[in-house]
Amino acid sequence: MRPPAANQLPPAWLPSQFPVALPAGRNRLLAHLLNRVGADGAVRDACRSRVLESALTLALLGRCGHGHRDARERIVRFLERNGQSGDLMDSAVAAAALGRGTGYPAHHQALEEIVSRVPDFAGARKRALVHSIFTVLGAATAHDPSAPSAFGVRALHPWAAVQAVAVKAILGKEAGRTPVADKDVALLASTQRPGAVWEGNLFIHLSVLHALVDVPGLENLVADGLRTALIHQREDGGMPFVTDTDTWGTVTAGLALCVAGAPRRVLHRIARHLLHVQHENGGWSYSDQAQLADTDCTTVAIEFLHRLDADAYRGPIRRGLDALIAVRGEDGGFPTYGSGTPSEACMTAAAISALSTQGRRHEHLLQPALRFLADCQRPDGSFPPGWSSSRLHTPFRAHLAHQHVRQSAATLHGMSERITGLVRDSQNADGGFGQQEGTPSDAISTGYALIVLAGQFDPAPAVRATAYLLAQQRPDGSITSVPDMLGPRPFPYHVPLLTDAFTLIALGHLTRRIRPSHIVVPRRSHSGARPAERTPP
């Protein structure tokens, strides 16, 4: 996500073309992010409450949660306040959890919407997942139509495998089939440890507990798991998707601060923290609590360390690249998690950007990856769903991947042209960009778009996008926006820090295109009059 080299950019724009509030707004955002850097170098922000996990927790409390009256009441109030957000799935889930079932039509509509927003390879699993959610909420309205492929685990990474086994157990019990197999019980129970949420993923933790709640002899295990979940109940009464996203927040904010020119002592403090949480295999995970490394965190960590000091951090960078290359697919693309899982467009674009930090050393990997990326693109310039609610997230990363490699093949040139066209045609009347076609503007989607617009010749769209972003800034310098990241896909979750980081990255791309002002503003004279500004020769 780092900016391209200066010699790859079109001619500079004039400062006078942009809002006069831009420098001050950028500086306030920079100061706000700097204040979030902890003494240990981590950049943390809490994952906010979500309807989905709150509903699952409430259902579990109803089955085995005697003695948690206060927690139950707080979750009920959260669901009553947040169950009418306008999101179809949230509304159906909250209504089911509160005993106000909306019936089969609403569930079916929510199901079809969910399946339409995930990659094709995940469709069967997501269909089964949604059925299992309504089943544990006591709102199953039809026989489970899930295909057997929804429960196969051979090609799944560990999180998805555990989730699939939990879903199979839940749906199997509902259909009156045989009890949960011993090997499945063993796998699910292995994720439970009092006081610790496995891999930091509260959604999977709750799914496992629902799968095990009726298994004889596991009553204490389930009760301990429920108490562990309630440790993470938020102040608003709701439950989050994950315990934290500390590493993902740190790598993203670290790169944003680096691009913005933050003090190097702070940047090196962030780097030291990242070295501390780097996995033995060289990768990084979204959370300090997780063991499964992912391509997204690994690639951004590599870019950050390279941009900060490629020589000082060459060892960790090399190990990170080795971990990245180890999961490369036979099709030339890169998956999110683990070797042998499906390659994805967004992760492939991220991998290209990380590999390009080494110049042409990985040319034999870059060319197939670029071809895979180009082949994934749709005619309108977009890409298959990734890990963001915004259809502009993967395009901006693909745009940067091409800029970093600068291949002139016609297919790649066409890919970039379609990305530019998609972004240019998606701008709303207020200057911002929405997550999908026809949706209201939001700050983080606008930041994604601005990264692409900053590489174009015409400044007008970038000027309008910048004005929109500045209008979303709070007095403390932070940026207000909607939930954007997805997990599990396609359910959005919200960590406000990420909006601040991506916005600062976007403004970093923008300011590289704006010609530095040569205006000198002298200090006020002793008389109090301000001398005329002048341009030095």
Protein backbone atom coordinates (compact mmCIF):
# COMPACT_ATOMS: atom_id res chain seq x y z
CA MET A 1 0.00 0.00 0.00
CA ARG A 2 3.07 2.24 -0.06
CA PRO A 3 3.15 5.03 -2.68
CA PRO A 4 4.97 4.38 -5.96
CA ALA A 5 8.32 5.97 -6.72
CA ALA A 6 8.18 9.68 -7.53
CA ASN A 7 9.44 9.12 -11.08
CA GLN A 8 6.38 6.96 -11.79
CA LEU A 9 3.93 9.76 -11.02
CA PRO A 10 2.43 12.27 -13.47
CA PRO A 11 3.34 15.97 -13.16
CA ALA A 12 2.70 17.58 -9.79
CA TRP A 13 -0.50 19.43 -8.93
CA LEU A 14 -0.61 22.93 -7.46
CA PRO A 15 -1.46 23.37 -3.76
CA SER A 16 -3.92 26.10 -4.69
CA GLN A 17 -6.11 23.52 -6.43
CA PHE A 18 -6.89 21.76 -3.14
CA PRO A 19 -8.85 22.78 -0.04
CA VAL A 20 -6.91 25.20 2.15
CA ALA A 21 -7.80 22.98 5.13
CA LEU A 22 -5.85 20.03 3.74
CA PRO A 23 -2.48 20.61 5.50
CA ALA A 24 -4.07 21.25 8.88
CA GLY A 25 -6.48 18.34 8.53
CA ARG A 26 -3.68 15.97 7.56
CA ASN A 27 -1.59 17.14 10.49
CA ARG A 28 -4.46 16.62 12.95
CA LEU A 29 -4.98 13.10 11.66
CA LEU A 30 -1.25 12.41 11.90
CA ALA A 31 -1.16 13.69 15.49
CA HIS A 32 -4.20 11.59 16.37
CA LEU A 33 -2.57 8.39 15.06
CA LEU A 34 0.72 9.20 16.76
CA ASN A 35 -1.12 9.50 20.06
CA ARG A 36 -2.45 5.97 19.58
CA VAL A 37 1.01 4.38 19.45
CA GLY A 38 1.55 2.57 22.73
CA ALA A 39 4.72 2.47 24.79
CA ASP A 40 5.32 -1.05 23.43
CA GLY A 41 4.90 0.11 19.82
CA ALA A 42 1.49 -1.47 19.24
CA VAL A 43 -1.34 0.60 17.78
CA ARG A 44 -4.52 -0.73 19.36
CA ASP A 45 -8.22 -0.08 19.05
CA ALA A 46 -11.12 -2.23 20.24
CA CYS A 47 -13.25 -4.20 17.83
CA ARG A 48 -16.74 -2.80 18.34
CA SER A 49 -19.80 -4.84 19.30
CA ARG A 50 -21.74 -6.64 16.60
CA VAL A 51 -25.29 -8.00 16.40
CA LEU A 52 -24.21 -11.46 15.24
CA GLU A 53 -22.02 -12.44 18.21
CA SER A 54 -24.38 -10.69 20.61
CA ALA A 55 -27.29 -12.81 19.37
CA LEU A 56 -25.26 -16.03 19.56
CA THR A 57 -24.23 -15.21 23.13
CA LEU A 58 -27.81 -14.44 24.14
CA ALA A 59 -28.97 -17.78 22.71
CA LEU A 60 -26.23 -19.60 24.64
CA LEU A 61 -27.18 -17.80 27.85
CA GLY A 62 -30.72 -19.00 27.30
CA ARG A 63 -29.58 -22.61 27.17
CA CYS A 64 -26.92 -22.83 29.86
CA GLY A 65 -26.25 -19.37 31.24
CA HIS A 66 -27.87 -19.47 34.66
CA GLY A 67 -26.37 -16.80 36.89
CA HIS A 68 -25.47 -14.28 34.15
CA ARG A 69 -28.58 -12.13 34.48
CA ASP A 70 -26.80 -8.77 34.13
CA ALA A 71 -24.88 -9.88 31.03
CA ARG A 72 -28.12 -11.16 29.49
CA GLU A 73 -30.00 -7.93 30.12
CA ARG A 74 -27.21 -5.82 28.67
CA ILE A 75 -27.12 -7.91 25.48
CA VAL A 76 -30.91 -7.65 25.13
CA ARG A 77 -30.68 -3.86 25.37
CA PHE A 78 -27.86 -3.81 22.80
CA LEU A 79 -29.88 -5.88 20.34
CA GLU A 80 -32.96 -3.73 20.85
CA ARG A 81 -30.90 -0.62 20.08
CA ASN A 82 -28.99 -2.03 17.13
CA GLY A 83 -31.33 -4.53 15.52
CA GLN A 84 -32.79 -2.01 13.08
CA SER A 85 -29.58 -0.73 11.50
CA GLY A 86 -30.88 -1.33 7.98
CA ASP A 87 -28.69 -4.38 7.45
CA LEU A 88 -30.94 -7.27 6.40
CA MET A 89 -28.95 -9.97 8.21
CA ASP A 90 -28.60 -7.92 11.39
CA SER A 91 -32.33 -7.25 11.48
CA ALA A 92 -33.24 -10.92 10.97
CA VAL A 93 -30.68 -12.15 13.52
CA ALA A 94 -31.66 -9.62 16.19
CA ALA A 95 -35.35 -10.37 15.72
CA ALA A 96 -34.73 -14.11 16.01
CA ALA A 97 -32.58 -13.71 19.14
CA LEU A 98 -35.22 -11.52 20.79
CA GLY A 99 -38.02 -13.95 19.93
CA ARG A 100 -39.54 -11.66 17.33
CA GLY A 101 -39.07 -14.00 14.39
CA THR A 102 -39.53 -12.54 10.93
CA GLY A 103 -40.16 -15.91 9.30
CA TYR A 104 -38.83 -17.79 6.30
CA PRO A 105 -39.06 -14.99 3.66
CA ALA A 106 -36.78 -12.66 5.63
CA HIS A 107 -34.33 -15.48 6.43
CA HIS A 108 -34.27 -16.62 2.81
CA GLN A 109 -33.71 -13.06 1.58
CA ALA A 110 -30.86 -12.60 4.06
CA LEU A 111 -29.36 -15.93 2.99
CA GLU A 112 -29.37 -15.08 -0.70
CA GLU A 113 -27.85 -11.66 -0.02
CA ILE A 114 -25.08 -13.23 2.07
CA VAL A 115 -24.20 -15.84 -0.54
CA SER A 116 -24.08 -13.18 -3.28
CA ARG A 117 -21.36 -11.30 -1.38
CA VAL A 118 -18.77 -14.06 -0.92
CA PRO A 119 -16.28 -15.67 -3.31
CA ASP A 120 -17.71 -18.53 -5.34
CA PHE A 121 -15.49 -21.08 -3.60
CA ALA A 122 -17.09 -20.21 -0.24
CA GLY A 123 -20.76 -20.15 -1.30
CA ALA A 124 -21.80 -23.59 -0.04
CA ARG A 125 -20.09 -23.10 3.33
CA LYS A 126 -21.69 -19.67 3.83
CA ARG A 127 -25.14 -21.03 2.99
CA ALA A 128 -24.72 -23.73 5.64
CA LEU A 129 -23.32 -21.16 8.09
CA VAL A 130 -26.35 -18.90 7.79
CA HIS A 131 -28.69 -21.88 8.30
CA SER A 132 -26.75 -22.84 11.44
CA ILE A 133 -27.05 -19.30 12.83
CA PHE A 134 -30.84 -19.30 12.52
CA THR A 135 -30.92 -22.85 13.89
CA VAL A 136 -29.17 -21.97 17.16
CA LEU A 137 -31.39 -18.88 17.44
CA GLY A 138 -34.42 -21.15 17.31
CA ALA A 139 -35.58 -19.72 14.00
CA ALA A 140 -34.87 -22.52 11.52
CA THR A 141 -37.80 -22.55 9.11
CA ALA A 142 -36.85 -25.13 6.52
CA HIS A 143 -34.86 -28.33 6.16
CA ASP A 144 -31.15 -27.65 5.75
CA PRO A 145 -30.37 -27.80 2.01
CA SER A 146 -26.60 -27.60 2.45
CA ALA A 147 -24.49 -29.51 -0.04
CA PRO A 148 -21.97 -32.05 1.29
CA SER A 149 -19.18 -29.77 0.02
CA ALA A 150 -20.13 -27.32 2.78
CA PHE A 151 -18.57 -29.64 5.34
CA GLY A 152 -15.41 -30.82 3.63
CA VAL A 153 -12.33 -29.68 5.53
CA ARG A 154 -9.40 -31.05 3.53
CA ALA A 155 -8.72 -27.81 1.65
CA LEU A 156 -9.58 -25.46 4.52
CA HIS A 157 -7.33 -23.50 6.82
CA PRO A 158 -7.73 -24.28 10.56
CA TRP A 159 -10.28 -21.55 11.34
CA ALA A 160 -12.56 -22.51 8.48
CA ALA A 161 -12.17 -26.21 9.29
CA VAL A 162 -13.28 -25.73 12.91
CA GLN A 163 -16.16 -23.53 11.77
CA ALA A 164 -17.29 -26.11 9.21
CA VAL A 165 -17.24 -28.92 11.79
CA ALA A 166 -19.24 -26.77 14.24
CA VAL A 167 -21.82 -25.96 11.56
CA LYS A 168 -22.11 -29.64 10.61
CA ALA A 169 -22.70 -30.58 14.25
CA ILE A 170 -25.34 -27.87 14.74
CA LEU A 171 -27.26 -28.77 11.59
CA GLY A 172 -26.89 -32.50 12.23
CA LYS A 173 -28.47 -32.21 15.66
CA GLU A 174 -31.33 -30.12 14.27
CA ALA A 175 -32.04 -32.70 11.56
CA GLY A 176 -32.10 -35.49 14.15
CA ARG A 177 -29.11 -37.27 12.69
CA THR A 178 -26.60 -39.28 14.73
CA PRO A 179 -24.76 -37.55 17.60
CA VAL A 180 -21.66 -35.50 16.88
CA ALA A 181 -18.82 -37.82 15.88
CA ASP A 182 -16.11 -38.39 18.49
CA LYS A 183 -13.39 -36.99 16.23
CA ASP A 184 -15.46 -33.83 15.66
CA VAL A 185 -16.07 -33.45 19.39
CA ALA A 186 -12.35 -33.80 20.01
CA LEU A 187 -11.49 -31.15 17.42
CA LEU A 188 -14.05 -28.68 18.75
CA ALA A 189 -13.16 -29.29 22.40
CA SER A 190 -9.47 -28.76 21.63
CA THR A 191 -10.20 -25.08 20.95
CA GLN A 192 -11.49 -24.49 24.47
CA ARG A 193 -9.33 -23.22 27.31
CA PRO A 194 -10.72 -21.25 30.26
CA GLY A 195 -9.97 -17.55 29.93
CA ALA A 196 -8.70 -17.77 26.33
CA VAL A 197 -10.60 -17.38 23.06
CA TRP A 198 -9.06 -19.68 20.43
CA GLU A 199 -7.22 -17.59 17.82
CA GLY A 200 -8.94 -14.52 19.26
CA ASN A 201 -12.04 -15.35 17.17
CA LEU A 202 -15.15 -14.97 19.28
CA PHE A 203 -17.49 -15.95 16.45
CA ILE A 204 -15.86 -19.37 16.10
CA HIS A 205 -15.66 -19.69 19.89
CA LEU A 206 -19.43 -19.20 20.21
CA SER A 207 -20.17 -21.52 17.28
CA VAL A 208 -18.14 -24.27 18.93
CA LEU A 209 -20.01 -23.85 22.21
CA HIS A 210 -23.35 -24.13 20.42
CA ALA A 211 -22.14 -27.30 18.72
CA LEU A 212 -21.08 -28.84 22.05
CA VAL A 213 -23.85 -27.60 24.33
CA ASP A 214 -25.82 -30.87 24.29
CA VAL A 215 -22.87 -33.28 24.26
CA PRO A 216 -22.96 -35.37 27.46
CA GLY A 217 -20.05 -34.78 29.82
CA LEU A 218 -19.10 -31.39 28.37
CA GLU A 219 -21.34 -29.24 30.53
CA ASN A 220 -18.43 -27.71 32.46
CA LEU A 221 -16.43 -27.07 29.30
CA VAL A 222 -19.35 -25.16 27.77
CA ALA A 223 -19.97 -23.21 30.99
CA ASP A 224 -16.28 -22.22 31.13
CA GLY A 225 -16.41 -21.22 27.47
CA LEU A 226 -19.42 -18.99 28.09
CA ARG A 227 -17.67 -17.28 31.01
CA THR A 228 -14.63 -16.76 28.78
CA ALA A 229 -16.77 -15.16 26.09
CA LEU A 230 -18.38 -12.78 28.56
CA ILE A 231 -14.95 -11.44 29.53
CA HIS A 232 -15.11 -9.61 26.19
CA GLN A 233 -18.57 -8.08 26.59
CA ARG A 234 -18.26 -4.42 25.61
CA GLU A 235 -19.45 -1.39 27.57
CA ASP A 236 -22.47 -1.02 25.29
CA GLY A 237 -23.57 -4.54 26.26
CA GLY A 238 -22.75 -6.15 22.92
CA MET A 239 -20.18 -8.72 21.90
CA PRO A 240 -17.41 -8.25 19.30
CA PHE A 241 -16.36 -10.45 16.39
CA VAL A 242 -12.79 -10.86 17.69
CA THR A 243 -10.97 -10.07 20.90
CA ASP A 244 -8.69 -7.63 19.06
CA THR A 245 -7.07 -6.79 15.72
CA ASP A 246 -3.92 -5.38 17.27
CA THR A 247 -1.37 -6.60 14.73
CA TRP A 248 -3.45 -5.64 11.70
CA GLY A 249 -4.02 -2.24 13.25
CA THR A 250 -0.33 -1.86 14.00
CA VAL A 251 0.96 -2.76 10.52
CA THR A 252 -1.64 -0.56 8.81
CA ALA A 253 -1.13 2.42 11.12
CA GLY A 254 2.63 1.90 10.98
CA LEU A 255 2.69 2.13 7.20
CA ALA A 256 0.36 5.16 7.31
CA LEU A 257 2.64 6.95 9.78
CA CYS A 258 5.71 6.04 7.75
CA VAL A 259 4.19 7.43 4.55
CA ALA A 260 3.17 10.57 6.45
CA GLY A 261 6.71 11.20 7.70
CA ALA A 262 6.17 10.50 11.41
CA PRO A 263 9.21 10.70 13.73
CA ARG A 264 11.52 7.77 13.06
CA ARG A 265 11.94 6.95 16.75
CA VAL A 266 8.20 6.23 16.88
CA LEU A 267 8.34 4.19 13.68
CA HIS A 268 11.21 2.09 15.01
CA ARG A 269 9.23 1.49 18.20
CA ILE A 270 6.41 0.11 16.05
CA ALA A 271 8.91 -2.00 14.10
CA ARG A 272 10.32 -3.51 17.29
CA HIS A 273 6.84 -4.56 18.34
CA LEU A 274 6.23 -6.18 14.97
CA LEU A 275 9.46 -8.13 15.27
CA HIS A 276 8.30 -9.32 18.69
CA VAL A 277 5.03 -10.72 17.31
CA GLN A 278 6.45 -12.15 14.06
CA HIS A 279 5.74 -15.87 13.88
CA GLU A 280 8.41 -18.53 13.69
CA ASN A 281 7.52 -19.17 10.04
CA GLY A 282 8.10 -15.46 9.27
CA GLY A 283 4.49 -14.40 8.88
CA TRP A 284 2.18 -12.18 10.90
CA SER A 285 -1.41 -12.69 12.01
CA TYR A 286 -4.19 -10.14 12.52
CA SER A 287 -3.91 -10.46 16.31
CA ASP A 288 -1.18 -11.12 18.83
CA GLN A 289 -3.48 -13.89 20.11
CA ALA A 290 -3.62 -15.84 16.82
CA GLN A 291 -1.20 -18.43 15.48
CA LEU A 292 -2.44 -18.61 11.89
CA ALA A 293 -0.49 -16.11 9.78
CA ASP A 294 -2.26 -14.32 6.95
CA THR A 295 -1.14 -12.76 3.70
CA ASP A 296 -2.69 -9.36 4.42
CA CYS A 297 -0.80 -8.67 7.65
CA THR A 298 2.41 -10.25 6.36
CA THR A 299 2.55 -8.17 3.18
CA VAL A 300 1.81 -4.85 4.90
CA ALA A 301 4.39 -5.59 7.60
CA ILE A 302 6.98 -6.26 4.88
CA GLU A 303 6.14 -2.99 3.10
CA PHE A 304 6.36 -1.04 6.35
CA LEU A 305 9.72 -2.49 7.42
CA HIS A 306 11.14 -2.05 3.93
CA ARG A 307 10.08 1.57 3.71
CA LEU A 308 11.35 2.35 7.21
CA ASP A 309 14.82 0.77 6.92
CA ALA A 310 15.35 -2.06 4.45
CA ASP A 311 18.90 -2.73 5.68
CA ALA A 312 18.20 -2.74 9.40
CA TYR A 313 15.23 -5.08 9.00
CA ARG A 314 16.46 -7.23 6.13
CA GLY A 315 16.31 -10.41 8.26
CA PRO A 316 12.64 -10.07 9.30
CA ILE A 317 11.76 -8.91 5.78
CA ARG A 318 13.42 -11.99 4.25
CA ARG A 319 11.60 -14.29 6.67
CA GLY A 320 8.32 -12.57 5.89
CA LEU A 321 8.88 -13.00 2.17
CA ASP A 322 9.73 -16.67 2.68
CA ALA A 323 6.45 -17.16 4.55
CA LEU A 324 4.58 -15.38 1.78
CA ILE A 325 6.17 -17.41 -1.02
CA ALA A 326 5.46 -20.64 0.87
CA VAL A 327 1.68 -20.19 0.46
CA ARG A 328 1.75 -19.27 -3.24
CA GLY A 329 -0.77 -21.18 -5.31
CA GLU A 330 -0.07 -23.26 -8.39
CA ASP A 331 -2.15 -20.75 -10.37
CA GLY A 332 0.37 -18.00 -9.58
CA GLY A 333 -1.94 -16.26 -7.13
CA PHE A 334 -1.82 -16.01 -3.36
CA PRO A 335 -4.44 -17.07 -0.77
CA THR A 336 -5.32 -15.40 2.50
CA TYR A 337 -4.41 -18.35 4.70
CA GLY A 338 -2.18 -21.31 4.10
CA SER A 339 -0.82 -23.27 1.19
CA GLY A 340 -3.40 -25.18 -0.81
CA THR A 341 -6.29 -22.80 -0.11
CA PRO A 342 -7.83 -20.77 -2.98
CA SER A 343 -5.91 -17.83 -4.39
CA GLU A 344 -7.63 -14.46 -4.23
CA ALA A 345 -7.30 -11.24 -6.19
CA CYS A 346 -6.81 -8.87 -3.24
CA MET A 347 -4.21 -11.06 -1.53
CA THR A 348 -2.38 -11.51 -4.83
CA ALA A 349 -2.23 -7.75 -5.31
CA ALA A 350 -0.90 -7.39 -1.76
CA ALA A 351 1.72 -10.08 -2.39
CA ILE A 352 2.88 -8.36 -5.58
CA SER A 353 3.42 -5.10 -3.69
CA ALA A 354 5.44 -6.89 -1.00
CA LEU A 355 7.52 -8.91 -3.47
CA SER A 356 8.23 -5.76 -5.51
CA THR A 357 10.17 -4.31 -2.56
CA GLN A 358 13.04 -6.55 -3.72
CA GLY A 359 13.24 -5.10 -7.22
CA ARG A 360 13.38 -7.77 -9.92
CA ARG A 361 14.61 -10.54 -7.60
CA HIS A 362 11.18 -12.23 -7.67
CA GLU A 363 10.38 -11.58 -11.32
CA HIS A 364 9.52 -15.26 -11.81
CA LEU A 365 6.79 -14.88 -9.18
CA LEU A 366 5.57 -11.43 -10.13
CA GLN A 367 4.65 -12.22 -13.73
CA PRO A 368 2.32 -15.17 -12.97
CA ALA A 369 0.82 -13.22 -10.07
CA LEU A 370 0.05 -10.25 -12.32
CA ARG A 371 -1.54 -12.53 -14.88
CA PHE A 372 -3.68 -14.15 -12.19
CA LEU A 373 -4.74 -10.71 -10.96
CA ALA A 374 -5.66 -9.50 -14.45
CA ASP A 375 -7.64 -12.68 -15.12
CA CYS A 376 -9.69 -12.09 -11.95
CA GLN A 377 -10.87 -8.67 -13.01
CA ARG A 378 -14.48 -8.21 -14.06
CA PRO A 379 -15.48 -6.21 -17.16
CA ASP A 380 -16.56 -3.22 -15.04
CA GLY A 381 -13.10 -2.99 -13.43
CA SER A 382 -14.04 -4.57 -10.10
CA PHE A 383 -12.85 -7.88 -8.65
CA PRO A 384 -14.49 -10.78 -6.78
CA PRO A 385 -15.39 -10.08 -3.12
CA GLY A 386 -12.44 -9.86 -0.77
CA TRP A 387 -12.12 -8.85 2.88
CA SER A 388 -13.65 -5.38 2.58
CA SER A 389 -17.28 -4.25 2.24
CA SER A 390 -16.08 -1.75 -0.35
CA ARG A 391 -15.77 -2.80 -3.96
CA LEU A 392 -12.94 -0.25 -4.26
CA HIS A 393 -10.56 -1.98 -1.84
CA THR A 394 -9.17 -4.65 -4.17
CA PRO A 395 -9.01 -2.24 -7.16
CA PHE A 396 -6.81 0.23 -5.29
CA ARG A 397 -4.44 -2.54 -4.25
CA ALA A 398 -4.35 -3.97 -7.78
CA HIS A 399 -3.66 -0.46 -9.07
CA LEU A 400 -0.68 -0.12 -6.72
CA ALA A 401 0.58 -3.61 -7.55
CA HIS A 402 0.74 -2.69 -11.24
CA GLN A 403 2.41 0.63 -10.47
CA HIS A 404 5.10 -1.03 -8.37
CA VAL A 405 5.95 -3.51 -11.12
CA ARG A 406 5.18 -1.24 -14.11
CA GLN A 407 4.75 -3.96 -16.69
CA SER A 408 3.57 -2.70 -20.07
CA ALA A 409 1.67 -5.76 -21.28
CA ALA A 410 -1.62 -4.86 -22.92
CA THR A 411 -3.63 -6.99 -20.51
CA LEU A 412 -2.16 -5.19 -17.50
CA HIS A 413 -2.61 -1.78 -19.08
CA GLY A 414 -6.23 -2.70 -19.68
CA MET A 415 -6.59 -3.77 -16.06
CA SER A 416 -5.39 -0.38 -14.82
CA GLU A 417 -7.59 1.49 -17.28
CA ARG A 418 -10.65 -0.41 -16.10
CA ILE A 419 -9.78 0.31 -12.46
CA THR A 420 -9.45 4.01 -13.21
CA GLY A 421 -12.74 3.98 -15.09
CA LEU A 422 -14.52 2.21 -12.24
CA VAL A 423 -13.27 4.72 -9.69
CA ARG A 424 -13.95 7.76 -11.85
CA ASP A 425 -17.52 6.61 -12.61
CA SER A 426 -18.28 5.77 -8.96
CA GLN A 427 -17.83 9.25 -7.49
CA ASN A 428 -20.96 10.59 -5.80
CA ALA A 429 -22.28 14.12 -6.06
CA ASP A 430 -20.81 15.00 -2.64
CA GLY A 431 -17.31 14.08 -3.86
CA GLY A 432 -17.14 10.86 -1.86
CA PHE A 433 -17.47 7.19 -2.75
CA GLY A 434 -19.75 4.49 -1.39
CA GLN A 435 -19.08 0.84 -0.65
CA GLN A 436 -21.16 -0.32 -3.60
CA GLU A 437 -22.80 1.25 -6.61
CA GLY A 438 -25.54 3.64 -5.52
CA THR A 439 -24.69 3.58 -1.79
CA PRO A 440 -23.99 6.75 0.23
CA SER A 441 -20.43 8.01 0.47
CA ASP A 442 -18.22 6.92 3.35
CA ALA A 443 -14.72 7.94 4.35
CA ILE A 444 -12.86 4.65 4.03
CA SER A 445 -14.19 3.89 0.52
CA THR A 446 -13.29 7.46 -0.42
CA GLY A 447 -9.77 6.90 0.90
CA TYR A 448 -9.43 3.80 -1.27
CA ALA A 449 -10.59 5.77 -4.31
CA LEU A 450 -8.29 8.71 -3.57
CA ILE A 451 -5.26 6.42 -3.75
CA VAL A 452 -6.19 5.65 -7.36
CA LEU A 453 -7.15 9.24 -8.18
CA ALA A 454 -3.80 10.49 -6.86
CA GLY A 455 -2.12 8.77 -9.80
CA GLN A 456 -4.23 10.44 -12.50
CA PHE A 457 -3.60 13.59 -14.58
CA ASP A 458 -6.87 15.41 -13.83
CA PRO A 459 -6.89 16.76 -10.26
CA ALA A 460 -10.61 17.59 -10.13
CA PRO A 461 -11.89 14.20 -8.85
CA ALA A 462 -9.12 14.09 -6.23
CA VAL A 463 -9.96 17.64 -5.10
CA ARG A 464 -13.61 16.69 -4.57
CA ALA A 465 -12.70 13.47 -2.76
CA THR A 466 -10.29 15.37 -0.50
CA ALA A 467 -12.96 17.90 0.42
CA TYR A 468 -15.33 15.07 1.32
CA LEU A 469 -12.72 13.37 3.53
CA LEU A 470 -11.92 16.59 5.39
CA ALA A 471 -15.63 17.04 6.07
CA GLN A 472 -15.64 13.67 7.87
CA GLN A 473 -12.92 14.68 10.32
CA ARG A 474 -13.76 15.00 14.00
CA PRO A 475 -12.24 17.72 16.22
CA ASP A 476 -9.75 15.19 17.65
CA GLY A 477 -8.41 14.51 14.17
CA SER A 478 -10.01 11.09 13.69
CA ILE A 479 -12.24 10.21 10.74
CA THR A 480 -15.81 8.97 11.00
CA SER A 481 -16.89 6.12 8.72
CA VAL A 482 -18.89 2.91 8.43
CA PRO A 483 -17.76 -0.67 9.25
CA ASP A 484 -15.63 -1.95 6.38
CA MET A 485 -13.56 -5.06 7.16
CA LEU A 486 -15.27 -8.45 6.86
CA GLY A 487 -15.04 -11.53 9.04
CA PRO A 488 -16.20 -14.12 8.48
CA ARG A 489 -17.12 -12.99 5.00
CA PRO A 490 -19.39 -11.17 4.30
CA PHE A 491 -20.22 -9.91 7.81
CA PRO A 492 -18.72 -6.44 8.45
CA TYR A 493 -17.02 -5.54 11.70
CA HIS A 494 -15.78 -2.18 12.90
CA VAL A 495 -12.39 -1.04 14.19
CA PRO A 496 -12.37 2.78 13.77
CA LEU A 497 -8.56 2.93 13.83
CA LEU A 498 -8.48 1.34 10.39
CA THR A 499 -10.41 4.24 8.86
CA ASP A 500 -7.86 6.68 10.29
CA ALA A 501 -4.96 4.60 8.97
CA PHE A 502 -6.31 4.15 5.46
CA THR A 503 -7.26 7.82 5.25
CA LEU A 504 -3.75 8.88 6.25
CA ILE A 505 -2.30 6.47 3.67
CA ALA A 506 -4.56 8.05 1.03
CA LEU A 507 -3.53 11.57 2.02
CA GLY A 508 0.10 10.43 1.87
CA HIS A 509 -0.41 9.33 -1.74
CA LEU A 510 -2.12 12.63 -2.47
CA THR A 511 0.49 14.93 -0.94
CA ARG A 512 3.21 13.28 -3.05
CA ARG A 513 1.38 14.63 -6.09
CA ILE A 514 1.08 18.18 -4.77
CA ARG A 515 3.97 20.51 -5.51
CA PRO A 516 5.57 21.80 -2.29
CA SER A 517 4.75 25.44 -1.70
CA HIS A 518 7.63 27.86 -2.18
CA ILE A 519 5.84 30.64 -0.39
CA VAL A 520 7.78 31.97 2.58
CA VAL A 521 5.70 33.38 5.42
CA PRO A 522 7.97 35.53 7.62
CA ARG A 523 7.31 36.13 11.28
CA ARG A 524 5.25 39.12 12.26
CA SER A 525 7.21 42.37 12.53
CA HIS A 526 7.67 44.18 15.82
CA SER A 527 4.96 46.63 14.80
CA GLY A 528 2.48 43.80 14.56
CA ALA A 529 2.05 44.23 10.81
CA ARG A 530 2.60 41.16 8.68
CA PRO A 531 5.00 41.74 5.77
CA ALA A 532 3.85 40.77 2.31
CA GLU A 533 4.53 37.17 1.32
CA ARG A 534 7.18 36.71 -1.31
CA THR A 535 8.50 33.94 -3.45
CA PRO A 536 12.25 33.41 -3.19
CA PRO A 537 14.23 33.49 -6.43
